[in-house]
Structure formats: structure tokens, C-alpha cells
Amino acid sequence: MNKDLNSLWQWVTKTPIGPLWASASQQGIKRLAFADSYELSPFALTQMADFHRRPGEVPDLEASLDLWLRSYFDKDIPLKTPPLDIEGTQFQRAVWSALTQIPTGATISYSQLAHSLGSRAYRAVGSAVGANPLPLIIPCHRVLPLNGDIGNYAFGASRKAWLLERESLKA
């Protein structure tokens, strides 16, 4: 069973590029995934459909994330990131932190990202990018293959292209 289903709190919110599922703990947002993605099994979607949040369970996190998403999709730079509760190795956290330093409207290659971390382990960096638990907030879509192609994206190449196009209009 997906351990996110055991999180204190989860919900689905609408975005211009599809429904976004979130899970959270008392400390913050733990995971985001587009609800139509391969990451969410039919079992998980069934569980989400049956999930009912109890009153008083961390409503500020939902409001904070919804405000961030509205700002992001309205082409504003969100001012305050919602509280996060990220789990990962020290290396993954370093990669994810570096992703947050990529300016809106900019892209870098996996090798540039690895170099910025003082590493030549490009594949390990790519794996950490792919394991990003908080797409959009941690902007993994801004990393491209060295040849400049759109590359892989867990939520689909068309979604990645849409995000990059949208951000380039903001820059």
C-alpha cells in the first residue's frame, strides 16, 4: 500500500493541467502528483475517492497550497511556499534544494545541475530529480537533457512543455 495513503490528510484540487493530488502530515505537504498520472494506482484513486477529511484537520495547509497554486497558475511568483514535510536521502534533498534555485522561466541540463552540486554523478542526479515528491513547488520540470529536448517527465511530456511555456511567458 502507498504510504501516502496513510498520511493524516489528502485531497485533490483542480489545476489548469489536471487534477492535483496532495498528501500532508501535521508538519506540511508531503507529496503532490497529478491524479491522472501513472504514480497513482487505481487502488490509490479508489481510496482517495472514499477519503473524507475530518473537520479541524490541518485546514491551513490546504489553504496555503491552494493560494500557492493559484498564484503560480495566475502567472504570479508565489510569495510563500506552503509548509513542507519532505522525506528523502541527504543527496536527494540536496538535488531538490538545487532545483528550487532555478529561476522561473529558466531551464538547465542534468549535467549542469550535477555540476552545480559539485558532482559528476549525472544519472544519480537524474534519479533524484525523478524522485521529486513535490512537482511544481520543487520545479523538476525545469531540467532538460543536454540536447535541449523536453525529455522525460513523470506526468507527461505535454504537461512539462505546457509548464515551461507558461513560465517562459512570466519571465
N, C-alpha and C. Protein backbone atom coordinates (compact mmCIF):
# COMPACT_ATOMS: atom_id res chain seq x y z
N MET A 1 0.85 -1.19 0.00
CA MET A 1 0.00 0.00 0.00
C MET A 1 0.88 1.23 0.00
N ASN A 2 0.53 2.24 -0.76
CA ASN A 2 1.24 3.50 -0.82
C ASN A 2 1.21 4.16 0.55
N LYS A 3 2.39 4.49 1.09
CA LYS A 3 2.40 5.03 2.44
C LYS A 3 1.74 6.39 2.51
N ASP A 4 1.63 7.12 1.37
CA ASP A 4 0.95 8.41 1.39
C ASP A 4 -0.52 8.26 1.74
N LEU A 5 -1.10 7.10 1.44
CA LEU A 5 -2.50 6.89 1.78
C LEU A 5 -2.70 6.82 3.28
N ASN A 6 -1.62 6.61 4.03
CA ASN A 6 -1.71 6.58 5.49
C ASN A 6 -1.42 7.95 6.08
N SER A 7 -1.14 8.96 5.25
CA SER A 7 -0.90 10.29 5.75
C SER A 7 -2.14 10.80 6.45
N LEU A 8 -1.94 11.79 7.28
CA LEU A 8 -3.04 12.35 8.03
C LEU A 8 -4.12 12.90 7.11
N TRP A 9 -3.72 13.44 5.97
CA TRP A 9 -4.63 14.27 5.22
C TRP A 9 -4.31 14.20 3.75
N GLN A 10 -5.31 14.15 2.90
CA GLN A 10 -5.10 14.16 1.46
C GLN A 10 -6.32 14.74 0.77
N TRP A 11 -6.11 15.28 -0.39
CA TRP A 11 -7.20 15.86 -1.17
C TRP A 11 -6.77 16.02 -2.60
N VAL A 12 -7.72 16.32 -3.47
CA VAL A 12 -7.45 16.59 -4.87
C VAL A 12 -7.96 17.99 -5.17
N THR A 13 -7.16 18.76 -5.88
CA THR A 13 -7.56 20.11 -6.27
C THR A 13 -7.41 20.25 -7.79
N LYS A 14 -8.19 21.10 -8.37
CA LYS A 14 -8.15 21.31 -9.82
C LYS A 14 -7.04 22.29 -10.18
N THR A 15 -6.36 22.02 -11.30
CA THR A 15 -5.39 22.96 -11.87
C THR A 15 -5.67 23.04 -13.37
N PRO A 16 -5.11 24.03 -14.05
CA PRO A 16 -5.32 24.13 -15.50
C PRO A 16 -4.76 22.95 -16.28
N ILE A 17 -3.90 22.14 -15.67
CA ILE A 17 -3.32 21.00 -16.38
C ILE A 17 -3.71 19.66 -15.76
N GLY A 18 -4.80 19.67 -15.03
CA GLY A 18 -5.32 18.43 -14.50
C GLY A 18 -5.43 18.43 -12.99
N PRO A 19 -6.16 17.46 -12.45
CA PRO A 19 -6.34 17.37 -11.00
C PRO A 19 -5.03 17.01 -10.30
N LEU A 20 -4.75 17.71 -9.22
CA LEU A 20 -3.52 17.51 -8.46
C LEU A 20 -3.88 16.93 -7.10
N TRP A 21 -3.28 15.78 -6.81
CA TRP A 21 -3.49 15.11 -5.53
C TRP A 21 -2.40 15.55 -4.57
N ALA A 22 -2.76 15.79 -3.33
CA ALA A 22 -1.80 16.19 -2.30
C ALA A 22 -1.99 15.32 -1.07
N SER A 23 -0.88 15.03 -0.42
CA SER A 23 -0.95 14.39 0.89
C SER A 23 -0.12 15.23 1.84
N ALA A 24 -0.51 15.23 3.10
CA ALA A 24 0.16 16.08 4.08
C ALA A 24 0.17 15.42 5.44
N SER A 25 1.12 15.86 6.24
CA SER A 25 1.18 15.48 7.65
C SER A 25 0.87 16.75 8.44
N GLN A 26 0.94 16.66 9.72
CA GLN A 26 0.77 17.86 10.56
C GLN A 26 1.86 18.89 10.27
N GLN A 27 3.06 18.42 9.82
CA GLN A 27 4.18 19.32 9.58
C GLN A 27 4.10 20.04 8.24
N GLY A 28 3.47 19.43 7.23
CA GLY A 28 3.41 20.10 5.94
C GLY A 28 3.04 19.16 4.81
N ILE A 29 3.07 19.70 3.60
CA ILE A 29 2.75 18.95 2.40
C ILE A 29 3.85 17.91 2.17
N LYS A 30 3.45 16.67 1.98
CA LYS A 30 4.41 15.58 1.79
C LYS A 30 4.59 15.20 0.32
N ARG A 31 3.50 15.25 -0.44
CA ARG A 31 3.57 14.73 -1.80
C ARG A 31 2.50 15.37 -2.66
N LEU A 32 2.88 15.62 -3.90
CA LEU A 32 1.95 16.08 -4.92
C LEU A 32 2.09 15.16 -6.12
N ALA A 33 0.99 14.87 -6.78
CA ALA A 33 1.02 14.08 -8.01
C ALA A 33 -0.24 14.41 -8.79
N PHE A 34 -0.09 14.47 -10.10
CA PHE A 34 -1.28 14.66 -10.91
C PHE A 34 -2.11 13.39 -10.82
N ALA A 35 -3.37 13.55 -10.51
CA ALA A 35 -4.23 12.41 -10.18
C ALA A 35 -4.44 11.46 -11.35
N ASP A 36 -4.14 11.91 -12.56
CA ASP A 36 -4.28 11.01 -13.71
C ASP A 36 -2.95 10.37 -14.10
N SER A 37 -1.95 10.52 -13.26
CA SER A 37 -0.62 10.01 -13.58
C SER A 37 -0.49 8.54 -13.24
N TYR A 38 0.56 7.94 -13.79
CA TYR A 38 0.82 6.53 -13.51
C TYR A 38 1.22 6.30 -12.07
N GLU A 39 1.65 7.35 -11.36
CA GLU A 39 2.08 7.20 -9.97
C GLU A 39 0.95 6.78 -9.04
N LEU A 40 -0.26 7.12 -9.42
CA LEU A 40 -1.40 6.80 -8.58
C LEU A 40 -2.12 5.59 -9.16
N SER A 41 -2.04 4.50 -8.47
CA SER A 41 -2.66 3.26 -8.93
C SER A 41 -4.18 3.38 -8.85
N PRO A 42 -4.89 2.53 -9.56
CA PRO A 42 -6.35 2.51 -9.43
C PRO A 42 -6.78 2.32 -7.97
N PHE A 43 -6.02 1.50 -7.22
CA PHE A 43 -6.34 1.31 -5.80
C PHE A 43 -6.24 2.63 -5.05
N ALA A 44 -5.17 3.39 -5.31
CA ALA A 44 -4.98 4.67 -4.63
C ALA A 44 -6.11 5.63 -4.98
N LEU A 45 -6.49 5.67 -6.25
CA LEU A 45 -7.58 6.56 -6.66
C LEU A 45 -8.89 6.16 -5.99
N THR A 46 -9.13 4.86 -5.85
CA THR A 46 -10.34 4.40 -5.17
C THR A 46 -10.31 4.83 -3.71
N GLN A 47 -9.15 4.67 -3.08
CA GLN A 47 -9.02 5.08 -1.69
C GLN A 47 -9.24 6.58 -1.54
N MET A 48 -8.70 7.36 -2.48
CA MET A 48 -8.86 8.81 -2.42
C MET A 48 -10.34 9.18 -2.57
N ALA A 49 -11.06 8.50 -3.45
CA ALA A 49 -12.47 8.80 -3.66
C ALA A 49 -13.28 8.54 -2.39
N ASP A 50 -12.83 7.57 -1.59
CA ASP A 50 -13.53 7.22 -0.36
C ASP A 50 -13.04 8.02 0.85
N PHE A 51 -12.01 8.83 0.66
CA PHE A 51 -11.40 9.54 1.78
C PHE A 51 -12.23 10.76 2.15
N HIS A 52 -12.47 10.91 3.42
CA HIS A 52 -13.17 12.10 3.91
C HIS A 52 -12.33 12.72 5.02
N ARG A 53 -11.98 13.97 4.84
CA ARG A 53 -11.20 14.67 5.86
C ARG A 53 -12.11 15.02 7.03
N ARG A 54 -11.62 14.83 8.21
CA ARG A 54 -12.39 15.18 9.40
C ARG A 54 -12.24 16.68 9.67
N PRO A 55 -13.26 17.35 10.18
CA PRO A 55 -13.16 18.78 10.48
C PRO A 55 -11.99 19.06 11.42
N GLY A 56 -11.32 20.16 11.17
CA GLY A 56 -10.23 20.59 12.04
C GLY A 56 -8.88 19.99 11.70
N GLU A 57 -8.80 19.14 10.67
CA GLU A 57 -7.52 18.52 10.30
C GLU A 57 -6.73 19.42 9.36
N VAL A 58 -5.83 20.16 9.88
CA VAL A 58 -4.84 20.94 9.14
C VAL A 58 -5.44 21.74 7.97
N PRO A 59 -6.50 22.51 8.18
CA PRO A 59 -7.08 23.26 7.06
C PRO A 59 -6.15 24.34 6.52
N ASP A 60 -5.23 24.84 7.33
CA ASP A 60 -4.32 25.88 6.86
C ASP A 60 -3.39 25.38 5.77
N LEU A 61 -3.01 24.11 5.79
CA LEU A 61 -2.14 23.57 4.75
C LEU A 61 -2.85 23.56 3.40
N GLU A 62 -4.11 23.16 3.39
CA GLU A 62 -4.85 23.15 2.13
C GLU A 62 -4.98 24.57 1.60
N ALA A 63 -5.33 25.51 2.45
CA ALA A 63 -5.48 26.90 2.02
C ALA A 63 -4.15 27.46 1.54
N SER A 64 -3.07 27.14 2.24
CA SER A 64 -1.75 27.63 1.85
C SER A 64 -1.33 27.08 0.50
N LEU A 65 -1.54 25.78 0.27
CA LEU A 65 -1.19 25.19 -1.01
C LEU A 65 -2.09 25.73 -2.12
N ASP A 66 -3.38 25.86 -1.85
CA ASP A 66 -4.28 26.40 -2.87
C ASP A 66 -3.91 27.83 -3.25
N LEU A 67 -3.51 28.65 -2.29
CA LEU A 67 -3.07 30.01 -2.59
C LEU A 67 -1.80 29.97 -3.44
N TRP A 68 -0.87 29.09 -3.09
CA TRP A 68 0.37 28.97 -3.86
C TRP A 68 0.06 28.56 -5.30
N LEU A 69 -0.80 27.56 -5.46
CA LEU A 69 -1.15 27.09 -6.80
C LEU A 69 -1.86 28.17 -7.61
N ARG A 70 -2.79 28.90 -6.98
CA ARG A 70 -3.47 29.99 -7.69
C ARG A 70 -2.46 31.03 -8.17
N SER A 71 -1.53 31.41 -7.30
CA SER A 71 -0.51 32.39 -7.67
C SER A 71 0.34 31.86 -8.81
N TYR A 72 0.78 30.62 -8.71
CA TYR A 72 1.62 30.02 -9.75
C TYR A 72 0.90 30.01 -11.09
N PHE A 73 -0.32 29.52 -11.12
CA PHE A 73 -1.04 29.39 -12.38
C PHE A 73 -1.58 30.73 -12.90
N ASP A 74 -1.67 31.73 -12.03
CA ASP A 74 -2.07 33.07 -12.47
C ASP A 74 -0.88 33.90 -12.93
N LYS A 75 0.26 33.22 -13.11
CA LYS A 75 1.49 33.84 -13.60
C LYS A 75 2.13 34.81 -12.61
N ASP A 76 1.80 34.68 -11.36
CA ASP A 76 2.48 35.43 -10.32
C ASP A 76 3.52 34.51 -9.71
N ILE A 77 4.57 35.09 -9.17
CA ILE A 77 5.54 34.28 -8.44
C ILE A 77 5.00 34.13 -7.02
N PRO A 78 4.69 32.90 -6.62
CA PRO A 78 4.15 32.72 -5.26
C PRO A 78 5.12 33.26 -4.22
N LEU A 79 4.59 34.03 -3.29
CA LEU A 79 5.43 34.68 -2.31
C LEU A 79 5.88 33.76 -1.19
N LYS A 80 5.02 32.85 -0.79
CA LYS A 80 5.35 32.00 0.35
C LYS A 80 5.03 30.55 0.03
N THR A 81 6.05 29.72 0.12
CA THR A 81 5.86 28.29 -0.10
C THR A 81 5.10 27.71 1.09
N PRO A 82 4.13 26.85 0.83
CA PRO A 82 3.43 26.22 1.96
C PRO A 82 4.41 25.39 2.79
N PRO A 83 4.09 25.14 4.05
CA PRO A 83 4.95 24.27 4.85
C PRO A 83 5.08 22.90 4.17
N LEU A 84 6.30 22.37 4.18
CA LEU A 84 6.59 21.09 3.53
C LEU A 84 7.09 20.08 4.54
N ASP A 85 6.85 18.83 4.29
CA ASP A 85 7.34 17.72 5.11
C ASP A 85 7.96 16.71 4.15
N ILE A 86 9.20 17.00 3.72
CA ILE A 86 9.85 16.23 2.67
C ILE A 86 10.67 15.10 3.27
N GLU A 87 10.50 13.90 2.71
CA GLU A 87 11.31 12.75 3.09
C GLU A 87 12.20 12.37 1.92
N GLY A 88 13.48 12.13 2.20
CA GLY A 88 14.40 11.72 1.15
C GLY A 88 15.80 11.62 1.73
N THR A 89 16.70 11.06 0.95
CA THR A 89 18.09 10.95 1.39
C THR A 89 18.73 12.34 1.39
N GLN A 90 19.88 12.41 2.01
CA GLN A 90 20.61 13.68 2.03
C GLN A 90 20.93 14.14 0.60
N PHE A 91 21.33 13.19 -0.26
CA PHE A 91 21.63 13.52 -1.65
C PHE A 91 20.37 14.03 -2.37
N GLN A 92 19.26 13.33 -2.21
CA GLN A 92 18.02 13.77 -2.86
C GLN A 92 17.63 15.17 -2.39
N ARG A 93 17.74 15.41 -1.10
CA ARG A 93 17.40 16.73 -0.57
C ARG A 93 18.30 17.82 -1.15
N ALA A 94 19.58 17.51 -1.35
CA ALA A 94 20.49 18.48 -1.95
C ALA A 94 20.08 18.78 -3.39
N VAL A 95 19.72 17.75 -4.13
CA VAL A 95 19.27 17.94 -5.52
C VAL A 95 17.98 18.75 -5.52
N TRP A 96 17.02 18.40 -4.68
CA TRP A 96 15.75 19.11 -4.65
C TRP A 96 15.93 20.56 -4.25
N SER A 97 16.84 20.81 -3.31
CA SER A 97 17.14 22.19 -2.93
C SER A 97 17.71 22.97 -4.12
N ALA A 98 18.60 22.34 -4.87
CA ALA A 98 19.17 22.99 -6.06
C ALA A 98 18.09 23.29 -7.09
N LEU A 99 17.10 22.41 -7.22
CA LEU A 99 16.02 22.66 -8.18
C LEU A 99 15.26 23.94 -7.84
N THR A 100 15.11 24.21 -6.56
CA THR A 100 14.37 25.41 -6.17
C THR A 100 15.12 26.70 -6.50
N GLN A 101 16.39 26.58 -6.84
CA GLN A 101 17.20 27.75 -7.19
C GLN A 101 17.14 28.09 -8.69
N ILE A 102 16.51 27.24 -9.48
CA ILE A 102 16.39 27.51 -10.92
C ILE A 102 15.31 28.57 -11.08
N PRO A 103 15.64 29.70 -11.66
CA PRO A 103 14.65 30.78 -11.78
C PRO A 103 13.47 30.40 -12.67
N THR A 104 12.33 30.97 -12.38
CA THR A 104 11.15 30.80 -13.22
C THR A 104 11.49 31.26 -14.63
N GLY A 105 11.12 30.45 -15.61
CA GLY A 105 11.39 30.78 -17.00
C GLY A 105 12.73 30.29 -17.50
N ALA A 106 13.55 29.74 -16.61
CA ALA A 106 14.87 29.24 -16.99
C ALA A 106 14.86 27.72 -16.99
N THR A 107 15.80 27.15 -17.71
CA THR A 107 16.00 25.70 -17.68
C THR A 107 17.49 25.43 -17.57
N ILE A 108 17.82 24.23 -17.08
CA ILE A 108 19.21 23.78 -17.04
C ILE A 108 19.23 22.31 -17.45
N SER A 109 20.42 21.83 -17.74
CA SER A 109 20.56 20.41 -18.08
C SER A 109 20.87 19.61 -16.82
N TYR A 110 20.70 18.31 -16.95
CA TYR A 110 21.04 17.43 -15.82
C TYR A 110 22.52 17.56 -15.47
N SER A 111 23.37 17.68 -16.48
CA SER A 111 24.81 17.81 -16.20
C SER A 111 25.12 19.15 -15.53
N GLN A 112 24.43 20.21 -15.92
CA GLN A 112 24.63 21.50 -15.25
C GLN A 112 24.17 21.42 -13.79
N LEU A 113 23.07 20.74 -13.57
CA LEU A 113 22.58 20.57 -12.21
C LEU A 113 23.59 19.78 -11.37
N ALA A 114 24.10 18.69 -11.93
CA ALA A 114 25.10 17.89 -11.22
C ALA A 114 26.34 18.74 -10.92
N HIS A 115 26.79 19.49 -11.91
CA HIS A 115 27.97 20.35 -11.74
C HIS A 115 27.73 21.37 -10.63
N SER A 116 26.54 21.94 -10.57
CA SER A 116 26.23 22.93 -9.52
C SER A 116 26.31 22.32 -8.12
N LEU A 117 26.16 21.00 -8.06
CA LEU A 117 26.24 20.29 -6.77
C LEU A 117 27.64 19.75 -6.51
N GLY A 118 28.57 20.04 -7.43
CA GLY A 118 29.92 19.52 -7.29
C GLY A 118 30.01 18.03 -7.55
N SER A 119 29.13 17.53 -8.41
CA SER A 119 29.06 16.10 -8.68
C SER A 119 29.20 15.82 -10.16
N ARG A 120 29.71 14.65 -10.48
CA ARG A 120 29.72 14.18 -11.86
C ARG A 120 28.78 12.98 -12.01
N ALA A 121 28.01 12.74 -10.99
CA ALA A 121 27.07 11.61 -10.99
C ALA A 121 25.75 12.05 -11.63
N TYR A 122 25.77 12.25 -12.94
CA TYR A 122 24.61 12.78 -13.65
C TYR A 122 23.40 11.87 -13.54
N ARG A 123 23.63 10.58 -13.63
CA ARG A 123 22.50 9.65 -13.54
C ARG A 123 21.88 9.65 -12.15
N ALA A 124 22.71 9.75 -11.13
CA ALA A 124 22.18 9.82 -9.76
C ALA A 124 21.38 11.10 -9.57
N VAL A 125 21.87 12.19 -10.15
CA VAL A 125 21.13 13.45 -10.09
C VAL A 125 19.80 13.29 -10.82
N GLY A 126 19.82 12.67 -12.00
CA GLY A 126 18.59 12.43 -12.75
C GLY A 126 17.60 11.58 -11.96
N SER A 127 18.10 10.57 -11.27
CA SER A 127 17.22 9.73 -10.45
C SER A 127 16.60 10.53 -9.31
N ALA A 128 17.38 11.40 -8.69
CA ALA A 128 16.85 12.24 -7.61
C ALA A 128 15.81 13.22 -8.15
N VAL A 129 16.07 13.78 -9.33
CA VAL A 129 15.09 14.68 -9.96
C VAL A 129 13.79 13.91 -10.19
N GLY A 130 13.89 12.69 -10.70
CA GLY A 130 12.72 11.86 -10.96
C GLY A 130 11.97 11.44 -9.71
N ALA A 131 12.64 11.45 -8.57
CA ALA A 131 12.01 11.05 -7.31
C ALA A 131 11.41 12.24 -6.56
N ASN A 132 11.42 13.40 -7.18
CA ASN A 132 10.91 14.61 -6.55
C ASN A 132 9.46 14.39 -6.08
N PRO A 133 9.21 14.55 -4.77
CA PRO A 133 7.87 14.30 -4.26
C PRO A 133 6.92 15.49 -4.41
N LEU A 134 7.46 16.66 -4.80
CA LEU A 134 6.64 17.86 -4.83
C LEU A 134 6.80 18.64 -6.13
N PRO A 135 6.35 18.05 -7.26
CA PRO A 135 6.45 18.78 -8.52
C PRO A 135 5.69 20.10 -8.43
N LEU A 136 6.10 21.03 -9.21
CA LEU A 136 5.65 22.41 -9.23
C LEU A 136 6.35 23.20 -8.12
N ILE A 137 6.18 22.80 -6.86
CA ILE A 137 6.85 23.52 -5.77
C ILE A 137 8.36 23.34 -5.88
N ILE A 138 8.80 22.12 -6.11
CA ILE A 138 10.20 21.83 -6.43
C ILE A 138 10.21 21.62 -7.94
N PRO A 139 10.66 22.62 -8.71
CA PRO A 139 10.42 22.64 -10.16
C PRO A 139 11.33 21.73 -10.99
N CYS A 140 11.11 20.44 -10.89
CA CYS A 140 11.90 19.47 -11.65
C CYS A 140 11.66 19.57 -13.15
N HIS A 141 10.56 20.17 -13.55
CA HIS A 141 10.25 20.32 -14.98
C HIS A 141 11.22 21.28 -15.67
N ARG A 142 12.01 22.02 -14.92
CA ARG A 142 12.96 22.98 -15.49
C ARG A 142 14.29 22.34 -15.88
N VAL A 143 14.41 21.03 -15.69
CA VAL A 143 15.63 20.31 -16.04
C VAL A 143 15.40 19.57 -17.35
N LEU A 144 16.31 19.78 -18.30
CA LEU A 144 16.20 19.20 -19.63
C LEU A 144 17.44 18.37 -19.96
N PRO A 145 17.32 17.44 -20.88
CA PRO A 145 18.51 16.74 -21.35
C PRO A 145 19.46 17.73 -22.02
N LEU A 146 20.72 17.36 -22.09
CA LEU A 146 21.75 18.23 -22.66
C LEU A 146 21.43 18.64 -24.09
N ASN A 147 20.74 17.78 -24.84
CA ASN A 147 20.41 18.11 -26.24
C ASN A 147 19.27 19.11 -26.37
N GLY A 148 18.67 19.53 -25.24
CA GLY A 148 17.62 20.54 -25.26
C GLY A 148 16.23 20.02 -25.50
N ASP A 149 16.09 18.70 -25.75
CA ASP A 149 14.76 18.12 -25.91
C ASP A 149 13.98 18.26 -24.60
N ILE A 150 12.69 18.04 -24.67
CA ILE A 150 11.84 18.16 -23.49
C ILE A 150 12.17 17.08 -22.46
N GLY A 151 12.56 15.90 -22.92
CA GLY A 151 12.95 14.83 -22.00
C GLY A 151 11.76 14.19 -21.31
N ASN A 152 12.05 13.39 -20.33
CA ASN A 152 11.02 12.69 -19.58
C ASN A 152 10.43 13.58 -18.50
N TYR A 153 9.20 13.26 -18.15
CA TYR A 153 8.54 13.92 -17.03
C TYR A 153 7.51 12.92 -16.53
N ALA A 154 7.51 12.69 -15.24
CA ALA A 154 6.63 11.67 -14.67
C ALA A 154 5.16 11.91 -15.01
N PHE A 155 4.80 13.14 -15.30
CA PHE A 155 3.41 13.48 -15.54
C PHE A 155 3.13 13.81 -17.00
N GLY A 156 4.06 13.40 -17.88
CA GLY A 156 3.85 13.55 -19.31
C GLY A 156 4.61 14.70 -19.93
N ALA A 157 5.15 14.44 -21.11
CA ALA A 157 5.94 15.45 -21.81
C ALA A 157 5.08 16.66 -22.19
N SER A 158 3.83 16.45 -22.51
CA SER A 158 2.99 17.60 -22.89
C SER A 158 2.75 18.51 -21.70
N ARG A 159 2.61 17.94 -20.50
CA ARG A 159 2.44 18.75 -19.30
C ARG A 159 3.73 19.54 -19.02
N LYS A 160 4.87 18.88 -19.18
CA LYS A 160 6.15 19.56 -18.97
C LYS A 160 6.30 20.72 -19.95
N ALA A 161 5.99 20.48 -21.21
CA ALA A 161 6.08 21.54 -22.23
C ALA A 161 5.14 22.70 -21.88
N TRP A 162 3.94 22.39 -21.42
CA TRP A 162 2.98 23.42 -21.04
C TRP A 162 3.54 24.26 -19.91
N LEU A 163 4.09 23.61 -18.88
CA LEU A 163 4.65 24.34 -17.74
C LEU A 163 5.80 25.25 -18.18
N LEU A 164 6.70 24.72 -19.01
CA LEU A 164 7.83 25.53 -19.46
C LEU A 164 7.36 26.71 -20.31
N GLU A 165 6.39 26.48 -21.18
CA GLU A 165 5.84 27.58 -21.99
C GLU A 165 5.20 28.63 -21.09
N ARG A 166 4.42 28.18 -20.17
CA ARG A 166 3.72 29.11 -19.24
C ARG A 166 4.74 29.94 -18.45
N GLU A 167 5.78 29.28 -17.95
CA GLU A 167 6.80 30.00 -17.17
C GLU A 167 7.60 30.97 -18.04
N SER A 168 7.86 30.61 -19.30
CA SER A 168 8.65 31.49 -20.15
C SER A 168 7.87 32.78 -20.44
N LEU A 169 6.55 32.72 -20.39
CA LEU A 169 5.74 33.91 -20.59
C LEU A 169 5.80 34.83 -19.37
N LYS A 170 6.13 34.26 -18.19
CA LYS A 170 6.22 35.05 -16.96
C LYS A 170 7.56 35.75 -16.84
N ALA A 171 8.61 35.14 -17.39
CA ALA A 171 9.96 35.62 -17.16
C ALA A 171 10.19 36.98 -17.80
